[in-house]
Amino acid sequence: MRPGFSIDVVYCERDQQHCVTLQVEEGCSAAQAIELSNLLQRFDLKIEGTQASPIGIFGKKVSPDTELNHGDRLEIYRPLLLSPTEARRLRARTLATS
């Protein structure tokens, strides 16, 4: 049996954070851990293909085949409702008209 370690898989809604702590084996990929967490099915998310939700470890974007390490916090990100560029434009327009 290969040695294992613990990781957290996290998905945040606007008003609530969902965190699943898992024991995984060495060599476990991000995609495998997310599948084990059942968060994809629970929130109808995708991490590969079109309309995929980006994923990251401690805020740094990673690919689904990234190998995990002990203590990693694997995050599934929500799609942006508004791009940062568009948000700045809207703020600038609001300030210009006030």
PDB file of N, CA and C in Angstrom:
ATOM      1  N   MET A   1       0.839  -1.184   0.000  1.00  0.00           N
ATOM      2  CA  MET A   1       0.000   0.000   0.000  1.00  0.00           C
ATOM      3  C   MET A   1       0.883   1.246   0.000  1.00  0.00           C
ATOM      4  N   ARG A   2       0.552   2.200  -0.868  1.00  0.00           N
ATOM      5  CA  ARG A   2       1.333   3.427  -0.963  1.00  0.00           C
ATOM      6  C   ARG A   2       0.957   4.378   0.165  1.00  0.00           C
ATOM      7  N   PRO A   3       1.938   5.169   0.630  1.00  0.00           N
ATOM      8  CA  PRO A   3       1.638   6.104   1.718  1.00  0.00           C
ATOM      9  C   PRO A   3       0.646   7.171   1.270  1.00  0.00           C
ATOM     10  N   GLY A   4      -0.131   7.665   2.201  1.00  0.00           N
ATOM     11  CA  GLY A   4      -1.120   8.689   1.887  1.00  0.00           C
ATOM     12  C   GLY A   4      -0.885   9.961   2.676  1.00  0.00           C
ATOM     13  N   PHE A   5      -1.659  10.963   2.348  1.00  0.00           N
ATOM     14  CA  PHE A   5      -1.591  12.246   3.040  1.00  0.00           C
ATOM     15  C   PHE A   5      -2.927  12.949   2.887  1.00  0.00           C
ATOM     16  N   SER A   6      -3.117  14.028   3.635  1.00  0.00           N
ATOM     17  CA  SER A   6      -4.398  14.735   3.570  1.00  0.00           C
ATOM     18  C   SER A   6      -4.287  16.024   2.776  1.00  0.00           C
ATOM     19  N   ILE A   7      -5.395  16.345   2.109  1.00  0.00           N
ATOM     20  CA  ILE A   7      -5.532  17.593   1.352  1.00  0.00           C
ATOM     21  C   ILE A   7      -6.945  18.129   1.584  1.00  0.00           C
ATOM     22  N   ASP A   8      -7.164  19.381   1.245  1.00  0.00           N
ATOM     23  CA  ASP A   8      -8.501  19.969   1.270  1.00  0.00           C
ATOM     24  C   ASP A   8      -8.901  20.307  -0.151  1.00  0.00           C
ATOM     25  N   VAL A   9     -10.143  20.022  -0.496  1.00  0.00           N
ATOM     26  CA  VAL A   9     -10.718  20.438  -1.777  1.00  0.00           C
ATOM     27  C   VAL A   9     -11.816  21.432  -1.425  1.00  0.00           C
ATOM     28  N   VAL A  10     -11.764  22.625  -2.044  1.00  0.00           N
ATOM     29  CA  VAL A  10     -12.643  23.718  -1.644  1.00  0.00           C
ATOM     30  C   VAL A  10     -13.380  24.289  -2.853  1.00  0.00           C
ATOM     31  N   TYR A  11     -14.659  24.571  -2.636  1.00  0.00           N
ATOM     32  CA  TYR A  11     -15.467  25.305  -3.621  1.00  0.00           C
ATOM     33  C   TYR A  11     -16.261  26.346  -2.853  1.00  0.00           C
ATOM     34  N   CYS A  12     -16.230  27.584  -3.306  1.00  0.00           N
ATOM     35  CA  CYS A  12     -16.935  28.662  -2.609  1.00  0.00           C
ATOM     36  C   CYS A  12     -18.068  29.200  -3.461  1.00  0.00           C
ATOM     37  N   GLU A  13     -19.244  29.237  -2.867  1.00  0.00           N
ATOM     38  CA  GLU A  13     -20.358  29.940  -3.478  1.00  0.00           C
ATOM     39  C   GLU A  13     -20.274  31.376  -2.992  1.00  0.00           C
ATOM     40  N   ARG A  14     -21.182  32.209  -3.435  1.00  0.00           N
ATOM     41  CA  ARG A  14     -21.134  33.610  -3.025  1.00  0.00           C
ATOM     42  C   ARG A  14     -21.198  33.768  -1.514  1.00  0.00           C
ATOM     43  N   ASP A  15     -21.984  32.933  -0.849  1.00  0.00           N
ATOM     44  CA  ASP A  15     -22.208  33.119   0.579  1.00  0.00           C
ATOM     45  C   ASP A  15     -21.782  31.947   1.454  1.00  0.00           C
ATOM     46  N   GLN A  16     -21.169  30.936   0.851  1.00  0.00           N
ATOM     47  CA  GLN A  16     -20.808  29.765   1.642  1.00  0.00           C
ATOM     48  C   GLN A  16     -19.606  29.046   1.042  1.00  0.00           C
ATOM     49  N   GLN A  17     -18.745  28.549   1.919  1.00  0.00           N
ATOM     50  CA  GLN A  17     -17.581  27.770   1.495  1.00  0.00           C
ATOM     51  C   GLN A  17     -17.828  26.300   1.796  1.00  0.00           C
ATOM     52  N   HIS A  18     -17.485  25.444   0.843  1.00  0.00           N
ATOM     53  CA  HIS A  18     -17.616  24.002   1.009  1.00  0.00           C
ATOM     54  C   HIS A  18     -16.214  23.409   0.964  1.00  0.00           C
ATOM     55  N   CYS A  19     -15.816  22.758   2.037  1.00  0.00           N
ATOM     56  CA  CYS A  19     -14.474  22.201   2.148  1.00  0.00           C
ATOM     57  C   CYS A  19     -14.569  20.717   2.479  1.00  0.00           C
ATOM     58  N   VAL A  20     -13.869  19.904   1.684  1.00  0.00           N
ATOM     59  CA  VAL A  20     -13.831  18.467   1.910  1.00  0.00           C
ATOM     60  C   VAL A  20     -12.380  18.085   2.159  1.00  0.00           C
ATOM     61  N   THR A  21     -12.101  17.476   3.299  1.00  0.00           N
ATOM     62  CA  THR A  21     -10.760  16.989   3.605  1.00  0.00           C
ATOM     63  C   THR A  21     -10.693  15.528   3.198  1.00  0.00           C
ATOM     64  N   LEU A  22      -9.666  15.193   2.417  1.00  0.00           N
ATOM     65  CA  LEU A  22      -9.511  13.835   1.889  1.00  0.00           C
ATOM     66  C   LEU A  22      -8.161  13.256   2.268  1.00  0.00           C
ATOM     67  N   GLN A  23      -8.118  11.952   2.409  1.00  0.00           N
ATOM     68  CA  GLN A  23      -6.865  11.210   2.503  1.00  0.00           C
ATOM     69  C   GLN A  23      -6.632  10.632   1.106  1.00  0.00           C
ATOM     70  N   VAL A  24      -5.536  11.016   0.477  1.00  0.00           N
ATOM     71  CA  VAL A  24      -5.235  10.541  -0.877  1.00  0.00           C
ATOM     72  C   VAL A  24      -3.874   9.854  -0.886  1.00  0.00           C
ATOM     73  N   GLU A  25      -3.665   9.030  -1.897  1.00  0.00           N
ATOM     74  CA  GLU A  25      -2.379   8.346  -2.044  1.00  0.00           C
ATOM     75  C   GLU A  25      -1.390   9.242  -2.774  1.00  0.00           C
ATOM     76  N   GLU A  26      -0.125   8.980  -2.549  1.00  0.00           N
ATOM     77  CA  GLU A  26       0.931   9.682  -3.262  1.00  0.00           C
ATOM     78  C   GLU A  26       0.706   9.490  -4.762  1.00  0.00           C
ATOM     79  N   GLY A  27       0.886  10.550  -5.536  1.00  0.00           N
ATOM     80  CA  GLY A  27       0.686  10.483  -6.981  1.00  0.00           C
ATOM     81  C   GLY A  27      -0.715  10.868  -7.410  1.00  0.00           C
ATOM     82  N   CYS A  28      -1.587  11.222  -6.463  1.00  0.00           N
ATOM     83  CA  CYS A  28      -2.957  11.617  -6.778  1.00  0.00           C
ATOM     84  C   CYS A  28      -2.946  12.946  -7.536  1.00  0.00           C
ATOM     85  N   SER A  29      -3.716  13.021  -8.611  1.00  0.00           N
ATOM     86  CA  SER A  29      -3.789  14.260  -9.396  1.00  0.00           C
ATOM     87  C   SER A  29      -4.921  15.137  -8.867  1.00  0.00           C
ATOM     88  N   ALA A  30      -4.905  16.392  -9.271  1.00  0.00           N
ATOM     89  CA  ALA A  30      -5.962  17.329  -8.883  1.00  0.00           C
ATOM     90  C   ALA A  30      -7.319  16.826  -9.360  1.00  0.00           C
ATOM     91  N   ALA A  31      -7.396  16.331 -10.588  1.00  0.00           N
ATOM     92  CA  ALA A  31      -8.659  15.828 -11.132  1.00  0.00           C
ATOM     93  C   ALA A  31      -9.182  14.651 -10.316  1.00  0.00           C
ATOM     94  N   GLN A  32      -8.294  13.742  -9.920  1.00  0.00           N
ATOM     95  CA  GLN A  32      -8.717  12.590  -9.124  1.00  0.00           C
ATOM     96  C   GLN A  32      -9.252  13.033  -7.763  1.00  0.00           C
ATOM     97  N   ALA A  33      -8.575  13.971  -7.134  1.00  0.00           N
ATOM     98  CA  ALA A  33      -9.006  14.457  -5.822  1.00  0.00           C
ATOM     99  C   ALA A  33     -10.358  15.160  -5.914  1.00  0.00           C
ATOM    100  N   ILE A  34     -10.544  15.957  -6.948  1.00  0.00           N
ATOM    101  CA  ILE A  34     -11.823  16.656  -7.117  1.00  0.00           C
ATOM    102  C   ILE A  34     -12.941  15.651  -7.339  1.00  0.00           C
ATOM    103  N   GLU A  35     -12.663  14.626  -8.121  1.00  0.00           N
ATOM    104  CA  GLU A  35     -13.654  13.571  -8.347  1.00  0.00           C
ATOM    105  C   GLU A  35     -14.011  12.882  -7.023  1.00  0.00           C
ATOM    106  N   LEU A  36     -13.013  12.584  -6.202  1.00  0.00           N
ATOM    107  CA  LEU A  36     -13.251  11.942  -4.906  1.00  0.00           C
ATOM    108  C   LEU A  36     -14.062  12.823  -3.952  1.00  0.00           C
ATOM    109  N   SER A  37     -13.938  14.130  -4.095  1.00  0.00           N
ATOM    110  CA  SER A  37     -14.623  15.058  -3.184  1.00  0.00           C
ATOM    111  C   SER A  37     -16.133  15.124  -3.433  1.00  0.00           C
ATOM    112  N   ASN A  38     -16.576  14.695  -4.593  1.00  0.00           N
ATOM    113  CA  ASN A  38     -17.989  14.771  -5.015  1.00  0.00           C
ATOM    114  C   ASN A  38     -18.498  16.200  -5.191  1.00  0.00           C
ATOM    115  N   LEU A  39     -17.621  17.205  -5.190  1.00  0.00           N
ATOM    116  CA  LEU A  39     -18.056  18.588  -5.380  1.00  0.00           C
ATOM    117  C   LEU A  39     -18.508  18.844  -6.817  1.00  0.00           C
ATOM    118  N   LEU A  40     -17.925  18.144  -7.786  1.00  0.00           N
ATOM    119  CA  LEU A  40     -18.339  18.332  -9.183  1.00  0.00           C
ATOM    120  C   LEU A  40     -19.807  17.968  -9.361  1.00  0.00           C
ATOM    121  N   GLN A  41     -20.197  16.823  -8.838  1.00  0.00           N
ATOM    122  CA  GLN A  41     -21.574  16.367  -8.971  1.00  0.00           C
ATOM    123  C   GLN A  41     -22.525  17.229  -8.130  1.00  0.00           C
ATOM    124  N   ARG A  42     -22.078  17.580  -6.957  1.00  0.00           N
ATOM    125  CA  ARG A  42     -22.922  18.347  -6.031  1.00  0.00           C
ATOM    126  C   ARG A  42     -23.288  19.723  -6.580  1.00  0.00           C
ATOM    127  N   PHE A  43     -22.347  20.351  -7.300  1.00  0.00           N
ATOM    128  CA  PHE A  43     -22.586  21.701  -7.805  1.00  0.00           C
ATOM    129  C   PHE A  43     -22.628  21.770  -9.328  1.00  0.00           C
ATOM    130  N   ASP A  44     -22.688  20.618  -9.991  1.00  0.00           N
ATOM    131  CA  ASP A  44     -22.769  20.534 -11.444  1.00  0.00           C
ATOM    132  C   ASP A  44     -21.647  21.344 -12.111  1.00  0.00           C
ATOM    133  N   LEU A  45     -20.403  21.026 -11.742  1.00  0.00           N
ATOM    134  CA  LEU A  45     -19.225  21.711 -12.264  1.00  0.00           C
ATOM    135  C   LEU A  45     -18.469  20.815 -13.231  1.00  0.00           C
ATOM    136  N   LYS A  46     -17.616  21.428 -14.034  1.00  0.00           N
ATOM    137  CA  LYS A  46     -16.713  20.696 -14.925  1.00  0.00           C
ATOM    138  C   LYS A  46     -15.325  21.284 -14.745  1.00  0.00           C
ATOM    139  N   ILE A  47     -14.296  20.423 -14.788  1.00  0.00           N
ATOM    140  CA  ILE A  47     -12.928  20.944 -14.689  1.00  0.00           C
ATOM    141  C   ILE A  47     -12.147  20.705 -15.966  1.00  0.00           C
ATOM    142  N   GLU A  48     -12.757  20.004 -16.920  1.00  0.00           N
ATOM    143  CA  GLU A  48     -12.103  19.776 -18.204  1.00  0.00           C
ATOM    144  C   GLU A  48     -13.108  20.012 -19.313  1.00  0.00           C
ATOM    145  N   GLY A  49     -12.613  20.360 -20.501  1.00  0.00           N
ATOM    146  CA  GLY A  49     -13.481  20.589 -21.650  1.00  0.00           C
ATOM    147  C   GLY A  49     -14.027  21.999 -21.669  1.00  0.00           C
ATOM    148  N   THR A  50     -15.057  22.190 -22.477  1.00  0.00           N
ATOM    149  CA  THR A  50     -15.652  23.525 -22.594  1.00  0.00           C
ATOM    150  C   THR A  50     -16.417  23.866 -21.325  1.00  0.00           C
ATOM    151  N   GLN A  51     -16.505  25.112 -21.025  1.00  0.00           N
ATOM    152  CA  GLN A  51     -17.172  25.621 -19.830  1.00  0.00           C
ATOM    153  C   GLN A  51     -16.550  25.092 -18.540  1.00  0.00           C
ATOM    154  N   ALA A  52     -15.257  24.802 -18.575  1.00  0.00           N
ATOM    155  CA  ALA A  52     -14.565  24.263 -17.402  1.00  0.00           C
ATOM    156  C   ALA A  52     -14.330  25.349 -16.353  1.00  0.00           C
ATOM    157  N   SER A  53     -14.462  24.957 -15.100  1.00  0.00           N
ATOM    158  CA  SER A  53     -14.115  25.845 -13.996  1.00  0.00           C
ATOM    159  C   SER A  53     -12.607  25.741 -13.776  1.00  0.00           C
ATOM    160  N   PRO A  54     -11.914  26.869 -13.673  1.00  0.00           N
ATOM    161  CA  PRO A  54     -10.478  26.792 -13.398  1.00  0.00           C
ATOM    162  C   PRO A  54     -10.244  26.263 -11.988  1.00  0.00           C
ATOM    163  N   ILE A  55      -9.067  25.665 -11.779  1.00  0.00           N
ATOM    164  CA  ILE A  55      -8.698  25.146 -10.469  1.00  0.00           C
ATOM    165  C   ILE A  55      -7.332  25.676 -10.086  1.00  0.00           C
ATOM    166  N   GLY A  56      -7.044  25.664  -8.794  1.00  0.00           N
ATOM    167  CA  GLY A  56      -5.750  26.148  -8.330  1.00  0.00           C
ATOM    168  C   GLY A  56      -5.390  25.548  -6.982  1.00  0.00           C
ATOM    169  N   ILE A  57      -4.139  25.716  -6.615  1.00  0.00           N
ATOM    170  CA  ILE A  57      -3.653  25.306  -5.299  1.00  0.00           C
ATOM    171  C   ILE A  57      -3.143  26.561  -4.602  1.00  0.00           C
ATOM    172  N   PHE A  58      -3.775  26.889  -3.484  1.00  0.00           N
ATOM    173  CA  PHE A  58      -3.440  28.109  -2.738  1.00  0.00           C
ATOM    174  C   PHE A  58      -3.414  29.342  -3.644  1.00  0.00           C
ATOM    175  N   GLY A  59      -4.408  29.471  -4.523  1.00  0.00           N
ATOM    176  CA  GLY A  59      -4.553  30.660  -5.358  1.00  0.00           C
ATOM    177  C   GLY A  59      -3.738  30.673  -6.630  1.00  0.00           C
ATOM    178  N   LYS A  60      -2.958  29.654  -6.895  1.00  0.00           N
ATOM    179  CA  LYS A  60      -2.156  29.599  -8.115  1.00  0.00           C
ATOM    180  C   LYS A  60      -2.783  28.572  -9.059  1.00  0.00           C
ATOM    181  N   LYS A  61      -3.135  29.018 -10.259  1.00  0.00           N
ATOM    182  CA  LYS A  61      -3.826  28.160 -11.218  1.00  0.00           C
ATOM    183  C   LYS A  61      -2.970  26.942 -11.584  1.00  0.00           C
ATOM    184  N   VAL A  62      -3.626  25.769 -11.631  1.00  0.00           N
ATOM    185  CA  VAL A  62      -2.958  24.518 -11.993  1.00  0.00           C
ATOM    186  C   VAL A  62      -3.831  23.758 -12.990  1.00  0.00           C
ATOM    187  N   SER A  63      -3.251  22.757 -13.621  1.00  0.00           N
ATOM    188  CA  SER A  63      -4.004  21.913 -14.549  1.00  0.00           C
ATOM    189  C   SER A  63      -4.552  20.701 -13.801  1.00  0.00           C
ATOM    190  N   PRO A  64      -5.568  20.042 -14.358  1.00  0.00           N
ATOM    191  CA  PRO A  64      -6.153  18.881 -13.683  1.00  0.00           C
ATOM    192  C   PRO A  64      -5.173  17.735 -13.444  1.00  0.00           C
ATOM    193  N   ASP A  65      -4.099  17.653 -14.226  1.00  0.00           N
ATOM    194  CA  ASP A  65      -3.154  16.543 -14.047  1.00  0.00           C
ATOM    195  C   ASP A  65      -2.028  16.858 -13.059  1.00  0.00           C
ATOM    196  N   THR A  66      -2.093  18.003 -12.398  1.00  0.00           N
ATOM    197  CA  THR A  66      -1.088  18.377 -11.398  1.00  0.00           C
ATOM    198  C   THR A  66      -1.107  17.397 -10.232  1.00  0.00           C
ATOM    199  N   GLU A  67       0.076  16.928  -9.853  1.00  0.00           N
ATOM    200  CA  GLU A  67       0.205  16.002  -8.729  1.00  0.00           C
ATOM    201  C   GLU A  67       0.142  16.784  -7.422  1.00  0.00           C
ATOM    202  N   LEU A  68      -0.601  16.267  -6.468  1.00  0.00           N
ATOM    203  CA  LEU A  68      -0.806  16.957  -5.192  1.00  0.00           C
ATOM    204  C   LEU A  68       0.238  16.568  -4.154  1.00  0.00           C
ATOM    205  N   ASN A  69       0.420  17.457  -3.177  1.00  0.00           N
ATOM    206  CA  ASN A  69       1.344  17.236  -2.060  1.00  0.00           C
ATOM    207  C   ASN A  69       0.590  17.356  -0.746  1.00  0.00           C
ATOM    208  N   HIS A  70       1.195  16.838   0.313  1.00  0.00           N
ATOM    209  CA  HIS A  70       0.590  16.887   1.642  1.00  0.00           C
ATOM    210  C   HIS A  70       0.205  18.325   2.000  1.00  0.00           C
ATOM    211  N   GLY A  71      -1.026  18.487   2.481  1.00  0.00           N
ATOM    212  CA  GLY A  71      -1.478  19.788   2.965  1.00  0.00           C
ATOM    213  C   GLY A  71      -1.968  20.746   1.901  1.00  0.00           C
ATOM    214  N   ASP A  72      -1.983  20.342   0.636  1.00  0.00           N
ATOM    215  CA  ASP A  72      -2.455  21.242  -0.429  1.00  0.00           C
ATOM    216  C   ASP A  72      -3.914  21.620  -0.205  1.00  0.00           C
ATOM    217  N   ARG A  73      -4.241  22.848  -0.577  1.00  0.00           N
ATOM    218  CA  ARG A  73      -5.631  23.335  -0.582  1.00  0.00           C
ATOM    219  C   ARG A  73      -6.002  23.497  -2.051  1.00  0.00           C
ATOM    220  N   LEU A  74      -6.717  22.534  -2.571  1.00  0.00           N
ATOM    221  CA  LEU A  74      -7.124  22.515  -3.970  1.00  0.00           C
ATOM    222  C   LEU A  74      -8.434  23.267  -4.103  1.00  0.00           C
ATOM    223  N   GLU A  75      -8.445  24.308  -4.929  1.00  0.00           N
ATOM    224  CA  GLU A  75      -9.598  25.199  -5.028  1.00  0.00           C
ATOM    225  C   GLU A  75     -10.245  25.084  -6.403  1.00  0.00           C
ATOM    226  N   ILE A  76     -11.566  24.993  -6.420  1.00  0.00           N
ATOM    227  CA  ILE A  76     -12.340  25.029  -7.663  1.00  0.00           C
ATOM    228  C   ILE A  76     -12.941  26.422  -7.732  1.00  0.00           C
ATOM    229  N   TYR A  77     -12.602  27.171  -8.776  1.00  0.00           N
ATOM    230  CA  TYR A  77     -13.033  28.558  -8.871  1.00  0.00           C
ATOM    231  C   TYR A  77     -14.353  28.688  -9.623  1.00  0.00           C
ATOM    232  N   ARG A  78     -15.177  29.626  -9.162  1.00  0.00           N
ATOM    233  CA  ARG A  78     -16.432  29.934  -9.854  1.00  0.00           C
ATOM    234  C   ARG A  78     -16.117  30.753 -11.093  1.00  0.00           C
ATOM    235  N   PRO A  79     -16.937  30.612 -12.133  1.00  0.00           N
ATOM    236  CA  PRO A  79     -16.744  31.473 -13.300  1.00  0.00           C
ATOM    237  C   PRO A  79     -17.002  32.934 -12.911  1.00  0.00           C
ATOM    238  N   LEU A  80     -16.261  33.839 -13.508  1.00  0.00           N
ATOM    239  CA  LEU A  80     -16.459  35.262 -13.237  1.00  0.00           C
ATOM    240  C   LEU A  80     -17.769  35.729 -13.856  1.00  0.00           C
ATOM    241  N   LEU A  81     -18.516  36.546 -13.130  1.00  0.00           N
ATOM    242  CA  LEU A  81     -19.736  37.123 -13.674  1.00  0.00           C
ATOM    243  C   LEU A  81     -19.410  38.307 -14.570  1.00  0.00           C
ATOM    244  N   LEU A  82     -18.280  38.936 -14.301  1.00  0.00           N
ATOM    245  CA  LEU A  82     -17.852  40.116 -15.039  1.00  0.00           C
ATOM    246  C   LEU A  82     -16.335  40.113 -15.076  1.00  0.00           C
ATOM    247  N   SER A  83     -15.760  40.334 -16.238  1.00  0.00           N
ATOM    248  CA  SER A  83     -14.305  40.337 -16.333  1.00  0.00           C
ATOM    249  C   SER A  83     -13.743  41.548 -15.578  1.00  0.00           C
ATOM    250  N   PRO A  84     -12.533  41.442 -15.052  1.00  0.00           N
ATOM    251  CA  PRO A  84     -11.936  42.581 -14.346  1.00  0.00           C
ATOM    252  C   PRO A  84     -11.840  43.834 -15.220  1.00  0.00           C
ATOM    253  N   THR A  85     -11.577  43.649 -16.497  1.00  0.00           N
ATOM    254  CA  THR A  85     -11.490  44.791 -17.412  1.00  0.00           C
ATOM    255  C   THR A  85     -12.836  45.501 -17.517  1.00  0.00           C
ATOM    256  N   GLU A  86     -13.898  44.734 -17.688  1.00  0.00           N
ATOM    257  CA  GLU A  86     -15.234  45.322 -17.788  1.00  0.00           C
ATOM    258  C   GLU A  86     -15.650  45.984 -16.480  1.00  0.00           C
ATOM    259  N   ALA A  87     -15.286  45.392 -15.357  1.00  0.00           N
ATOM    260  CA  ALA A  87     -15.601  45.985 -14.059  1.00  0.00           C
ATOM    261  C   ALA A  87     -14.922  47.347 -13.905  1.00  0.00           C
ATOM    262  N   ARG A  88     -13.663  47.464 -14.345  1.00  0.00           N
ATOM    263  CA  ARG A  88     -12.960  48.758 -14.288  1.00  0.00           C
ATOM    264  C   ARG A  88     -13.635  49.782 -15.184  1.00  0.00           C
ATOM    265  N   ARG A  89     -14.058  49.347 -16.364  1.00  0.00           N
ATOM    266  CA  ARG A  89     -14.762  50.272 -17.279  1.00  0.00           C
ATOM    267  C   ARG A  89     -16.044  50.797 -16.647  1.00  0.00           C
ATOM    268  N   LEU A  90     -16.812  49.915 -16.036  1.00  0.00           N
ATOM    269  CA  LEU A  90     -18.057  50.341 -15.397  1.00  0.00           C
ATOM    270  C   LEU A  90     -17.793  51.298 -14.244  1.00  0.00           C
ATOM    271  N   ARG A  91     -16.769  51.027 -13.431  1.00  0.00           N
ATOM    272  CA  ARG A  91     -16.417  51.948 -12.346  1.00  0.00           C
ATOM    273  C   ARG A  91     -15.992  53.304 -12.898  1.00  0.00           C
ATOM    274  N   ALA A  92     -15.217  53.296 -13.973  1.00  0.00           N
ATOM    275  CA  ALA A  92     -14.753  54.555 -14.570  1.00  0.00           C
ATOM    276  C   ALA A  92     -15.943  55.358 -15.096  1.00  0.00           C
ATOM    277  N   ARG A  93     -16.882  54.668 -15.746  1.00  0.00           N
ATOM    278  CA  ARG A  93     -18.080  55.363 -16.248  1.00  0.00           C
ATOM    279  C   ARG A  93     -18.890  55.949 -15.101  1.00  0.00           C
ATOM    280  N   THR A  94     -19.023  55.198 -14.026  1.00  0.00           N
ATOM    281  CA  THR A  94     -19.786  55.658 -12.867  1.00  0.00           C
ATOM    282  C   THR A  94     -19.126  56.888 -12.252  1.00  0.00           C
ATOM    283  N   LEU A  95     -17.815  56.852 -12.115  1.00  0.00           N
ATOM    284  CA  LEU A  95     -17.088  58.009 -11.545  1.00  0.00           C
ATOM    285  C   LEU A  95     -17.157  59.221 -12.461  1.00  0.00           C
ATOM    286  N   ALA A  96     -17.127  58.985 -13.770  1.00  0.00           N
ATOM    287  CA  ALA A  96     -17.148  60.092 -14.731  1.00  0.00           C
ATOM    288  C   ALA A  96     -18.500  60.790 -14.749  1.00  0.00           C
ATOM    289  N   THR A  97     -19.567  60.057 -14.468  1.00  0.00           N
ATOM    290  CA  THR A  97     -20.895  60.662 -14.511  1.00  0.00           C
ATOM    291  C   THR A  97     -21.323  61.237 -13.165  1.00  0.00           C
ATOM    292  N   SER A  98     -20.544  61.001 -12.095  1.00  0.00           N
ATOM    293  CA  SER A  98     -20.946  61.542 -10.788  1.00  0.00           C
ATOM    294  C   SER A  98     -20.380  62.906 -10.556  1.00  0.00           C
TER     295      SER A  98
END
